[in-house]
């Protein structure tokens, strides 16, 4: 065989390999539907974020826990937007929709923007295991405009079971449910503190 034939065969082999790759699917988190109304002008303003995320999920690919201490990074199922943007956005829309007398805004907001409250936190875990159990573990707190604790730092864990452990869409739905539960907890905690 001459060099030209070998090069042609290598090119065909590489093209065949490229053509056999499965397509990449993209997923988004969705806010709670059916909630919300127009807030009055006197509504308090709640700043959401920054919610820091761990490095192992700071990537486009969906990540799941494996047996032991391993994680699986799924190259063919990805987030449509970075999680450090998506998670605060969803929590903001959820809280804003669930509270009639609060307007929630997402960090970063202008430095001159005055908030009555500020929610901040650090996500410890946001993934699913091999059985399809989605987990959101988060440390969070809320301060008032003078940086005094309204809700002291706490650590909460929210779980949801996916309909199918092998279906990425079902995993995303379950992860979304954990964010819904966290958002409702934020609302309940704020409302209870304001009634004291």
N, C-alpha and C. Protein backbone atom coordinates (compact mmCIF):
# COMPACT_ATOMS: atom_id res chain seq x y z
N UNK A 1 0.84 -1.19 0.00
CA UNK A 1 0.00 0.00 0.00
C UNK A 1 0.88 1.24 0.00
N UNK A 2 0.40 2.22 -0.76
CA UNK A 2 1.17 3.46 -0.77
C UNK A 2 0.62 4.42 0.29
N UNK A 3 1.32 5.50 0.49
CA UNK A 3 0.96 6.49 1.52
C UNK A 3 -0.41 7.09 1.24
N UNK A 4 -0.70 7.34 -0.03
CA UNK A 4 -1.98 7.95 -0.38
C UNK A 4 -3.15 7.05 0.01
N UNK A 5 -3.01 5.76 -0.21
CA UNK A 5 -4.06 4.81 0.15
C UNK A 5 -4.23 4.72 1.66
N UNK A 6 -3.13 4.68 2.37
CA UNK A 6 -3.20 4.63 3.84
C UNK A 6 -3.88 5.87 4.40
N UNK A 7 -3.52 7.04 3.90
CA UNK A 7 -4.14 8.30 4.35
C UNK A 7 -5.63 8.30 4.06
N UNK A 8 -6.01 7.80 2.89
CA UNK A 8 -7.43 7.74 2.53
C UNK A 8 -8.20 6.83 3.48
N UNK A 9 -7.62 5.68 3.80
CA UNK A 9 -8.27 4.75 4.73
C UNK A 9 -8.41 5.34 6.13
N UNK A 10 -7.38 6.03 6.60
CA UNK A 10 -7.44 6.68 7.92
C UNK A 10 -8.50 7.77 7.95
N UNK A 11 -8.60 8.53 6.88
CA UNK A 11 -9.61 9.58 6.80
C UNK A 11 -11.01 8.99 6.84
N UNK A 12 -11.24 7.92 6.08
CA UNK A 12 -12.55 7.25 6.08
C UNK A 12 -12.89 6.69 7.45
N UNK A 13 -11.89 6.10 8.11
CA UNK A 13 -12.13 5.55 9.45
C UNK A 13 -12.49 6.64 10.44
N UNK A 14 -11.81 7.78 10.37
CA UNK A 14 -12.11 8.87 11.30
C UNK A 14 -13.48 9.46 11.03
N UNK A 15 -13.86 9.57 9.74
CA UNK A 15 -15.18 10.08 9.41
C UNK A 15 -16.27 9.12 9.87
N UNK A 16 -16.04 7.83 9.73
CA UNK A 16 -17.01 6.84 10.19
C UNK A 16 -17.18 6.92 11.70
N UNK A 17 -16.08 7.13 12.42
CA UNK A 17 -16.15 7.26 13.88
C UNK A 17 -16.93 8.48 14.30
N UNK A 18 -16.74 9.58 13.59
CA UNK A 18 -17.46 10.82 13.92
C UNK A 18 -18.96 10.66 13.68
N UNK A 19 -19.30 9.95 12.63
CA UNK A 19 -20.71 9.80 12.26
C UNK A 19 -21.49 8.91 13.22
N UNK A 20 -20.81 8.11 14.03
CA UNK A 20 -21.51 7.16 14.89
C UNK A 20 -21.76 7.70 16.30
N UNK A 21 -21.31 8.91 16.60
CA UNK A 21 -21.52 9.48 17.93
C UNK A 21 -23.00 9.78 18.16
N UNK A 22 -23.54 9.41 19.32
CA UNK A 22 -24.94 9.74 19.58
C UNK A 22 -25.12 11.25 19.75
N UNK A 23 -26.33 11.75 19.50
CA UNK A 23 -26.56 13.19 19.64
C UNK A 23 -26.52 13.61 21.11
N UNK A 24 -26.23 14.88 21.33
CA UNK A 24 -26.22 15.45 22.68
C UNK A 24 -27.59 16.05 22.96
N UNK A 25 -28.18 15.73 24.11
CA UNK A 25 -29.45 16.30 24.53
C UNK A 25 -29.20 17.35 25.61
N UNK A 26 -30.02 18.42 25.58
CA UNK A 26 -29.86 19.52 26.53
C UNK A 26 -31.12 19.65 27.38
N UNK A 27 -30.92 20.00 28.66
CA UNK A 27 -32.01 20.08 29.63
C UNK A 27 -31.98 21.41 30.37
N UNK A 28 -33.17 21.85 30.78
CA UNK A 28 -33.29 23.07 31.57
C UNK A 28 -34.09 22.79 32.83
N UNK A 29 -33.83 23.58 33.85
CA UNK A 29 -34.65 23.57 35.06
C UNK A 29 -35.84 24.49 34.83
N UNK A 30 -36.99 24.15 35.41
CA UNK A 30 -38.21 24.91 35.20
C UNK A 30 -38.76 25.42 36.52
N UNK A 31 -39.31 26.65 36.54
CA UNK A 31 -39.91 27.16 37.79
C UNK A 31 -41.26 26.51 38.06
N UNK A 32 -41.72 26.69 39.29
CA UNK A 32 -43.05 26.22 39.67
C UNK A 32 -44.08 26.98 38.83
N UNK A 33 -45.03 26.26 38.27
CA UNK A 33 -46.03 26.91 37.42
C UNK A 33 -47.29 27.21 38.22
N UNK A 34 -48.02 28.20 37.75
CA UNK A 34 -49.32 28.51 38.33
C UNK A 34 -49.29 29.38 39.57
N UNK A 35 -48.12 29.85 39.99
CA UNK A 35 -48.05 30.71 41.17
C UNK A 35 -47.76 32.13 40.73
N UNK A 36 -48.15 33.06 41.58
CA UNK A 36 -47.73 34.43 41.33
C UNK A 36 -48.86 35.39 41.04
N UNK A 37 -48.61 36.64 41.38
CA UNK A 37 -49.50 37.76 41.08
C UNK A 37 -48.65 39.02 41.13
N UNK A 38 -49.24 40.14 40.76
CA UNK A 38 -48.49 41.39 40.79
C UNK A 38 -48.29 41.86 42.22
N UNK A 39 -47.04 42.14 42.57
CA UNK A 39 -46.74 42.58 43.93
C UNK A 39 -47.04 44.07 44.07
N UNK A 40 -47.50 44.51 45.26
CA UNK A 40 -47.76 45.94 45.47
C UNK A 40 -46.46 46.73 45.51
N UNK A 41 -46.57 48.05 45.35
CA UNK A 41 -45.39 48.92 45.37
C UNK A 41 -44.67 48.85 46.70
N UNK A 42 -45.39 48.53 47.77
CA UNK A 42 -44.80 48.46 49.10
C UNK A 42 -44.11 47.12 49.38
N UNK A 43 -44.05 46.26 48.38
CA UNK A 43 -43.48 44.92 48.59
C UNK A 43 -42.01 45.00 48.99
N UNK A 44 -41.61 44.08 49.88
CA UNK A 44 -40.20 43.97 50.24
C UNK A 44 -39.44 43.37 49.06
N UNK A 45 -38.14 43.68 49.01
CA UNK A 45 -37.30 43.15 47.94
C UNK A 45 -36.32 42.15 48.54
N UNK A 46 -36.33 40.95 47.98
CA UNK A 46 -35.44 39.87 48.42
C UNK A 46 -34.43 39.59 47.33
N UNK A 47 -33.16 39.78 47.65
CA UNK A 47 -32.10 39.44 46.72
C UNK A 47 -31.73 37.98 46.86
N UNK A 48 -31.73 37.24 45.76
CA UNK A 48 -31.38 35.82 45.77
C UNK A 48 -29.97 35.64 45.23
N UNK A 49 -29.11 35.07 46.03
CA UNK A 49 -27.75 34.76 45.56
C UNK A 49 -26.74 35.68 46.21
N UNK A 50 -25.63 35.25 46.08
CA UNK A 50 -25.07 34.22 45.24
C UNK A 50 -25.21 32.85 45.91
N UNK A 51 -25.58 31.85 45.06
CA UNK A 51 -25.65 30.46 45.51
C UNK A 51 -24.48 29.73 44.85
N UNK A 52 -23.45 29.48 45.63
CA UNK A 52 -22.25 28.85 45.07
C UNK A 52 -22.48 27.36 44.86
N UNK A 53 -21.88 26.84 43.80
CA UNK A 53 -22.04 25.42 43.50
C UNK A 53 -20.68 24.72 43.59
N UNK A 54 -20.68 23.43 43.91
CA UNK A 54 -19.40 22.72 44.01
C UNK A 54 -18.79 22.49 42.63
N UNK A 55 -17.48 22.35 42.61
CA UNK A 55 -16.77 22.20 41.35
C UNK A 55 -17.17 20.98 40.54
N UNK A 56 -17.58 19.90 41.21
CA UNK A 56 -17.86 18.67 40.45
C UNK A 56 -19.10 18.79 39.58
N UNK A 57 -20.02 19.74 39.88
CA UNK A 57 -21.17 19.95 39.00
C UNK A 57 -21.06 21.24 38.19
N UNK A 58 -19.95 21.94 38.35
CA UNK A 58 -19.74 23.19 37.61
C UNK A 58 -19.23 22.86 36.21
N UNK A 59 -20.11 22.25 35.43
CA UNK A 59 -19.76 21.78 34.09
C UNK A 59 -21.07 21.63 33.30
N UNK A 60 -21.01 21.57 31.99
CA UNK A 60 -22.24 21.44 31.20
C UNK A 60 -22.91 20.07 31.35
N UNK A 61 -22.15 19.02 31.60
CA UNK A 61 -22.69 17.67 31.62
C UNK A 61 -23.48 17.38 32.90
N UNK A 62 -24.51 16.53 32.76
CA UNK A 62 -25.19 16.02 33.94
C UNK A 62 -24.24 15.09 34.68
N UNK A 63 -24.28 15.17 36.01
CA UNK A 63 -23.39 14.37 36.85
C UNK A 63 -24.25 13.54 37.79
N UNK A 64 -23.88 12.27 37.96
CA UNK A 64 -24.59 11.41 38.90
C UNK A 64 -23.59 10.71 39.81
N UNK A 65 -24.07 10.37 41.00
CA UNK A 65 -23.24 9.65 41.97
C UNK A 65 -23.18 8.18 41.60
N UNK A 66 -22.02 7.58 41.77
CA UNK A 66 -21.87 6.15 41.55
C UNK A 66 -21.61 5.47 42.89
N UNK A 67 -21.60 4.16 42.87
CA UNK A 67 -21.31 3.43 44.10
C UNK A 67 -19.93 3.82 44.60
N UNK A 68 -19.78 3.86 45.90
CA UNK A 68 -18.50 4.30 46.47
C UNK A 68 -18.39 5.81 46.41
N UNK A 69 -17.27 6.28 45.93
CA UNK A 69 -17.04 7.73 45.91
C UNK A 69 -16.95 8.31 44.50
N UNK A 70 -17.30 7.51 43.50
CA UNK A 70 -17.17 7.95 42.12
C UNK A 70 -18.38 8.74 41.64
N UNK A 71 -18.16 9.49 40.57
CA UNK A 71 -19.24 10.21 39.90
C UNK A 71 -19.17 9.87 38.41
N UNK A 72 -20.33 9.95 37.77
CA UNK A 72 -20.41 9.72 36.32
C UNK A 72 -20.73 11.05 35.66
N UNK A 73 -19.91 11.44 34.69
CA UNK A 73 -20.14 12.65 33.91
C UNK A 73 -20.70 12.21 32.55
N UNK A 74 -21.93 12.61 32.28
CA UNK A 74 -22.64 12.16 31.07
C UNK A 74 -22.38 13.12 29.92
N UNK A 75 -21.53 12.72 28.99
CA UNK A 75 -21.14 13.58 27.88
C UNK A 75 -22.29 13.88 26.93
N UNK A 76 -23.31 13.05 26.90
CA UNK A 76 -24.37 13.20 25.90
C UNK A 76 -25.66 13.78 26.46
N UNK A 77 -25.67 14.13 27.74
CA UNK A 77 -26.82 14.79 28.37
C UNK A 77 -26.29 15.97 29.16
N UNK A 78 -26.69 17.17 28.74
CA UNK A 78 -26.07 18.39 29.27
C UNK A 78 -27.11 19.43 29.68
N UNK A 79 -26.66 20.34 30.54
CA UNK A 79 -27.47 21.48 30.93
C UNK A 79 -27.44 22.52 29.81
N UNK A 80 -28.58 23.15 29.57
CA UNK A 80 -28.66 24.18 28.53
C UNK A 80 -28.05 25.50 29.00
N UNK A 81 -27.90 25.68 30.31
CA UNK A 81 -27.25 26.87 30.85
C UNK A 81 -26.46 26.46 32.09
N UNK A 82 -25.42 27.22 32.45
CA UNK A 82 -24.62 26.86 33.63
C UNK A 82 -25.49 26.81 34.89
N UNK A 83 -25.22 25.84 35.74
CA UNK A 83 -26.02 25.69 36.96
C UNK A 83 -25.89 26.87 37.91
N UNK A 84 -24.73 27.55 37.92
CA UNK A 84 -24.59 28.69 38.82
C UNK A 84 -25.47 29.86 38.38
N UNK A 85 -25.99 29.82 37.16
CA UNK A 85 -26.97 30.80 36.69
C UNK A 85 -28.38 30.23 36.82
N UNK A 86 -28.55 28.98 36.44
CA UNK A 86 -29.88 28.36 36.41
C UNK A 86 -30.51 28.23 37.79
N UNK A 87 -29.74 27.76 38.77
CA UNK A 87 -30.32 27.50 40.09
C UNK A 87 -30.82 28.79 40.76
N UNK A 88 -30.01 29.86 40.85
CA UNK A 88 -30.57 31.10 41.43
C UNK A 88 -31.74 31.66 40.64
N UNK A 89 -31.70 31.52 39.32
CA UNK A 89 -32.81 32.02 38.49
C UNK A 89 -34.10 31.30 38.84
N UNK A 90 -34.05 29.98 38.95
CA UNK A 90 -35.25 29.21 39.26
C UNK A 90 -35.76 29.53 40.66
N UNK A 91 -34.86 29.60 41.63
CA UNK A 91 -35.28 29.94 43.01
C UNK A 91 -35.91 31.33 43.05
N UNK A 92 -35.33 32.27 42.32
CA UNK A 92 -35.88 33.63 42.27
C UNK A 92 -37.29 33.63 41.71
N UNK A 93 -37.49 32.98 40.58
CA UNK A 93 -38.82 32.95 39.96
C UNK A 93 -39.81 32.24 40.88
N UNK A 94 -39.39 31.15 41.50
CA UNK A 94 -40.27 30.42 42.41
C UNK A 94 -40.70 31.27 43.60
N UNK A 95 -39.72 31.87 44.28
CA UNK A 95 -40.04 32.66 45.48
C UNK A 95 -40.88 33.87 45.11
N UNK A 96 -40.53 34.52 44.02
CA UNK A 96 -41.28 35.69 43.55
C UNK A 96 -42.73 35.31 43.26
N UNK A 97 -42.92 34.14 42.67
CA UNK A 97 -44.28 33.71 42.34
C UNK A 97 -45.08 33.22 43.52
N UNK A 98 -44.40 32.73 44.56
CA UNK A 98 -45.10 32.18 45.72
C UNK A 98 -45.43 33.22 46.79
N UNK A 99 -44.84 34.41 46.71
CA UNK A 99 -45.08 35.44 47.72
C UNK A 99 -45.68 36.69 47.07
N UNK A 100 -46.86 37.06 47.51
CA UNK A 100 -47.54 38.21 46.92
C UNK A 100 -46.93 39.54 47.33
N UNK A 101 -46.29 39.58 48.49
CA UNK A 101 -45.80 40.86 49.01
C UNK A 101 -44.28 40.95 49.01
N UNK A 102 -43.63 40.14 48.18
CA UNK A 102 -42.18 40.18 48.05
C UNK A 102 -41.82 40.12 46.57
N UNK A 103 -40.85 40.96 46.20
CA UNK A 103 -40.30 40.89 44.85
C UNK A 103 -38.90 40.30 44.99
N UNK A 104 -38.66 39.18 44.33
CA UNK A 104 -37.35 38.53 44.38
C UNK A 104 -36.55 38.91 43.15
N UNK A 105 -35.28 39.22 43.35
CA UNK A 105 -34.38 39.57 42.25
C UNK A 105 -33.12 38.72 42.38
N UNK A 106 -32.51 38.43 41.23
CA UNK A 106 -31.36 37.54 41.20
C UNK A 106 -30.05 38.32 41.24
N UNK A 107 -29.11 37.86 42.05
CA UNK A 107 -27.75 38.39 42.06
C UNK A 107 -27.09 38.04 40.73
N UNK A 108 -26.25 38.91 40.14
CA UNK A 108 -25.86 40.22 40.66
C UNK A 108 -26.86 41.30 40.27
N UNK A 109 -27.17 42.16 41.22
CA UNK A 109 -28.01 43.31 40.95
C UNK A 109 -27.15 44.56 41.18
N UNK A 110 -27.57 45.72 40.66
CA UNK A 110 -26.74 46.93 40.79
C UNK A 110 -26.38 47.23 42.24
N UNK A 111 -25.17 47.73 42.46
CA UNK A 111 -24.70 47.99 43.83
C UNK A 111 -25.57 49.01 44.56
N UNK A 112 -26.21 49.89 43.84
CA UNK A 112 -27.09 50.90 44.47
C UNK A 112 -28.48 50.35 44.75
N UNK A 113 -28.73 49.14 44.33
CA UNK A 113 -30.04 48.52 44.50
C UNK A 113 -30.21 48.10 45.95
N UNK A 114 -31.22 48.61 46.61
CA UNK A 114 -31.45 48.34 48.02
C UNK A 114 -32.39 47.14 48.19
N UNK A 115 -31.91 46.12 48.88
CA UNK A 115 -32.76 44.97 49.17
C UNK A 115 -33.13 44.98 50.65
N UNK A 116 -34.33 44.51 50.93
CA UNK A 116 -34.77 44.40 52.33
C UNK A 116 -34.22 43.12 52.96
N UNK A 117 -34.05 42.10 52.14
CA UNK A 117 -33.51 40.82 52.59
C UNK A 117 -32.56 40.30 51.52
N UNK A 118 -31.64 39.41 51.95
CA UNK A 118 -30.72 38.80 51.00
C UNK A 118 -30.51 37.34 51.39
N UNK A 119 -30.81 36.45 50.45
CA UNK A 119 -30.58 35.03 50.63
C UNK A 119 -29.25 34.68 49.98
N UNK A 120 -28.42 33.97 50.69
CA UNK A 120 -27.15 33.52 50.13
C UNK A 120 -26.89 32.11 50.62
N UNK A 121 -26.02 31.40 49.92
CA UNK A 121 -25.76 30.04 50.35
C UNK A 121 -24.73 29.33 49.50
N UNK A 122 -24.53 28.08 49.85
CA UNK A 122 -23.58 27.22 49.15
C UNK A 122 -24.23 25.86 48.96
N UNK A 123 -24.30 25.44 47.70
CA UNK A 123 -24.84 24.13 47.40
C UNK A 123 -23.74 23.10 47.64
N UNK A 124 -24.06 22.08 48.37
CA UNK A 124 -23.11 21.02 48.68
C UNK A 124 -23.27 19.86 47.69
N UNK A 125 -24.51 19.60 47.35
CA UNK A 125 -24.78 18.48 46.42
C UNK A 125 -26.02 18.79 45.59
N UNK A 126 -25.95 18.49 44.29
CA UNK A 126 -27.10 18.62 43.40
C UNK A 126 -26.90 17.59 42.29
N UNK A 127 -27.38 16.38 42.54
CA UNK A 127 -27.19 15.28 41.61
C UNK A 127 -28.15 14.16 41.98
N UNK A 128 -28.05 13.05 41.27
CA UNK A 128 -28.86 11.87 41.58
C UNK A 128 -27.95 10.66 41.73
N UNK A 129 -28.43 9.66 42.46
CA UNK A 129 -27.63 8.45 42.61
C UNK A 129 -28.07 7.39 41.59
N UNK A 130 -27.50 6.21 41.67
CA UNK A 130 -27.79 5.16 40.70
C UNK A 130 -29.22 4.64 40.79
N UNK A 131 -29.88 4.88 41.91
CA UNK A 131 -31.28 4.46 42.06
C UNK A 131 -32.25 5.54 41.61
N UNK A 132 -31.74 6.67 41.14
CA UNK A 132 -32.60 7.75 40.67
C UNK A 132 -33.09 8.68 41.76
N UNK A 133 -32.45 8.67 42.92
CA UNK A 133 -32.82 9.59 44.00
C UNK A 133 -32.04 10.89 43.80
N UNK A 134 -32.77 11.96 43.49
CA UNK A 134 -32.17 13.27 43.30
C UNK A 134 -31.99 13.94 44.66
N UNK A 135 -30.86 14.61 44.84
CA UNK A 135 -30.54 15.23 46.12
C UNK A 135 -30.08 16.67 45.92
N UNK A 136 -30.69 17.58 46.66
CA UNK A 136 -30.19 18.94 46.81
C UNK A 136 -29.82 19.11 48.27
N UNK A 137 -28.54 19.34 48.52
CA UNK A 137 -28.07 19.63 49.88
C UNK A 137 -27.48 21.03 49.84
N UNK A 138 -27.94 21.88 50.74
CA UNK A 138 -27.57 23.29 50.66
C UNK A 138 -27.44 23.90 52.05
N UNK A 139 -26.43 24.75 52.21
CA UNK A 139 -26.30 25.62 53.39
C UNK A 139 -26.79 26.99 52.96
N UNK A 140 -27.66 27.62 53.77
CA UNK A 140 -28.19 28.91 53.37
C UNK A 140 -28.60 29.74 54.58
N UNK A 141 -28.76 31.02 54.34
CA UNK A 141 -29.17 31.95 55.39
C UNK A 141 -29.81 33.16 54.72
N UNK A 142 -30.53 33.96 55.52
CA UNK A 142 -31.10 35.21 55.02
C UNK A 142 -30.75 36.32 56.00
N UNK A 143 -30.26 37.43 55.45
CA UNK A 143 -29.96 38.62 56.24
C UNK A 143 -30.88 39.76 55.81
N UNK A 144 -31.05 40.72 56.72
CA UNK A 144 -31.81 41.91 56.35
C UNK A 144 -30.88 42.94 55.71
N UNK A 145 -31.40 44.10 55.42
CA UNK A 145 -30.62 45.14 54.75
C UNK A 145 -29.44 45.64 55.55
N UNK A 146 -29.42 45.38 56.86
CA UNK A 146 -28.31 45.80 57.71
C UNK A 146 -27.38 44.64 58.04
N UNK A 147 -27.48 43.57 57.28
CA UNK A 147 -26.64 42.38 57.42
C UNK A 147 -26.86 41.65 58.75
N UNK A 148 -28.04 41.81 59.33
CA UNK A 148 -28.39 41.06 60.54
C UNK A 148 -29.15 39.80 60.12
N UNK A 149 -28.90 38.70 60.82
CA UNK A 149 -29.52 37.43 60.45
C UNK A 149 -31.02 37.47 60.68
N UNK A 150 -31.77 37.18 59.64
CA UNK A 150 -33.20 36.98 59.74
C UNK A 150 -33.47 35.49 59.87
N UNK A 151 -32.79 34.71 59.06
CA UNK A 151 -32.80 33.25 59.18
C UNK A 151 -31.35 32.83 59.33
N UNK A 152 -31.03 32.27 60.49
CA UNK A 152 -29.65 31.90 60.77
C UNK A 152 -29.17 30.81 59.82
N UNK A 153 -27.85 30.73 59.61
CA UNK A 153 -27.33 29.71 58.70
C UNK A 153 -27.84 28.32 59.08
N UNK A 154 -28.26 27.59 58.06
CA UNK A 154 -28.80 26.25 58.27
C UNK A 154 -28.37 25.37 57.12
N UNK A 155 -28.49 24.07 57.33
CA UNK A 155 -28.14 23.10 56.29
C UNK A 155 -29.34 22.19 56.08
N UNK A 156 -29.84 22.16 54.86
CA UNK A 156 -31.03 21.37 54.55
C UNK A 156 -30.75 20.41 53.41
N UNK A 157 -31.51 19.33 53.41
CA UNK A 157 -31.38 18.30 52.37
C UNK A 157 -32.77 18.00 51.83
N UNK A 158 -32.90 18.03 50.51
CA UNK A 158 -34.16 17.77 49.83
C UNK A 158 -33.94 16.62 48.84
N UNK A 159 -34.87 15.68 48.80
CA UNK A 159 -34.73 14.54 47.91
C UNK A 159 -36.02 14.34 47.10
N UNK A 160 -35.87 13.73 45.94
CA UNK A 160 -37.01 13.37 45.10
C UNK A 160 -36.63 12.13 44.29
N UNK A 161 -37.57 11.24 44.11
CA UNK A 161 -37.33 10.00 43.38
C UNK A 161 -37.71 10.18 41.91
N UNK A 162 -36.76 9.93 41.02
CA UNK A 162 -37.04 9.97 39.58
C UNK A 162 -37.89 8.77 39.19
N UNK A 163 -38.74 8.96 38.17
CA UNK A 163 -39.56 7.85 37.68
C UNK A 163 -38.71 6.73 37.09
N UNK A 164 -37.56 7.11 36.55
CA UNK A 164 -36.65 6.11 35.97
C UNK A 164 -35.21 6.54 36.26
N UNK A 165 -34.45 5.65 36.86
CA UNK A 165 -33.06 5.98 37.20
C UNK A 165 -32.17 6.09 35.97
N UNK A 166 -32.61 5.52 34.85
CA UNK A 166 -31.78 5.54 33.64
C UNK A 166 -32.21 6.60 32.63
N UNK A 167 -33.27 7.36 32.94
CA UNK A 167 -33.78 8.38 32.02
C UNK A 167 -33.30 9.76 32.46
N UNK A 168 -32.41 10.41 31.68
CA UNK A 168 -31.91 11.72 32.08
C UNK A 168 -33.01 12.75 32.29
N UNK A 169 -34.07 12.70 31.46
CA UNK A 169 -35.16 13.65 31.63
C UNK A 169 -35.84 13.46 32.98
N UNK A 170 -36.05 12.21 33.38
CA UNK A 170 -36.66 11.93 34.68
C UNK A 170 -35.77 12.40 35.82
N UNK A 171 -34.46 12.27 35.66
CA UNK A 171 -33.52 12.75 36.67
C UNK A 171 -33.62 14.27 36.81
N UNK A 172 -33.68 14.97 35.66
CA UNK A 172 -33.79 16.44 35.69
C UNK A 172 -35.09 16.86 36.35
N UNK A 173 -36.19 16.17 36.06
CA UNK A 173 -37.47 16.47 36.71
C UNK A 173 -37.36 16.32 38.22
N UNK A 174 -36.72 15.25 38.67
CA UNK A 174 -36.55 15.03 40.11
C UNK A 174 -35.66 16.09 40.74
N UNK A 175 -34.57 16.47 40.06
CA UNK A 175 -33.72 17.55 40.57
C UNK A 175 -34.52 18.84 40.67
N UNK A 176 -35.37 19.08 39.68
CA UNK A 176 -36.22 20.27 39.69
C UNK A 176 -37.15 20.26 40.91
N UNK A 177 -37.65 19.08 41.26
CA UNK A 177 -38.54 18.96 42.43
C UNK A 177 -37.81 19.33 43.72
N UNK A 178 -36.52 19.01 43.80
CA UNK A 178 -35.77 19.39 45.01
C UNK A 178 -35.64 20.91 45.11
N UNK A 179 -35.46 21.57 43.97
CA UNK A 179 -35.40 23.04 43.98
C UNK A 179 -36.75 23.65 44.34
N UNK A 180 -37.84 23.03 43.86
CA UNK A 180 -39.18 23.48 44.23
C UNK A 180 -39.37 23.39 45.75
N UNK A 181 -38.94 22.28 46.33
CA UNK A 181 -39.09 22.08 47.78
C UNK A 181 -38.26 23.11 48.54
N UNK A 182 -37.05 23.36 48.08
CA UNK A 182 -36.22 24.38 48.74
C UNK A 182 -36.87 25.75 48.63
N UNK A 183 -37.38 26.11 47.47
CA UNK A 183 -38.03 27.41 47.28
C UNK A 183 -39.22 27.58 48.22
N UNK A 184 -40.02 26.53 48.34
CA UNK A 184 -41.17 26.60 49.26
C UNK A 184 -40.73 26.73 50.71
N UNK A 185 -39.64 26.07 51.06
CA UNK A 185 -39.10 26.18 52.41
C UNK A 185 -38.63 27.60 52.69
N UNK A 186 -37.95 28.22 51.72
CA UNK A 186 -37.52 29.62 51.87
C UNK A 186 -38.73 30.51 52.13
N UNK A 187 -39.78 30.33 51.35
CA UNK A 187 -41.00 31.14 51.51
C UNK A 187 -41.60 30.91 52.89
N UNK A 188 -41.72 29.66 53.31
CA UNK A 188 -42.31 29.36 54.62
C UNK A 188 -41.49 29.96 55.76
N UNK A 189 -40.17 29.88 55.65
CA UNK A 189 -39.30 30.43 56.69
C UNK A 189 -39.43 31.96 56.76
N UNK A 190 -39.46 32.61 55.61
CA UNK A 190 -39.61 34.08 55.59
C UNK A 190 -40.95 34.47 56.19
N UNK A 191 -42.00 33.80 55.77
CA UNK A 191 -43.35 34.15 56.26
C UNK A 191 -43.45 33.95 57.77
N UNK A 192 -42.88 32.87 58.28
CA UNK A 192 -42.97 32.64 59.73
C UNK A 192 -42.18 33.68 60.50
N UNK A 193 -41.02 34.11 59.99
CA UNK A 193 -40.23 35.14 60.68
C UNK A 193 -40.93 36.49 60.65
N UNK A 194 -41.60 36.79 59.55
CA UNK A 194 -42.28 38.08 59.45
C UNK A 194 -43.52 38.16 60.33
N UNK A 195 -44.04 37.00 60.70
CA UNK A 195 -45.23 36.98 61.56
C UNK A 195 -44.88 37.04 63.04
N UNK A 196 -43.60 36.90 63.37
CA UNK A 196 -43.19 36.91 64.78
C UNK A 196 -43.20 38.32 65.35
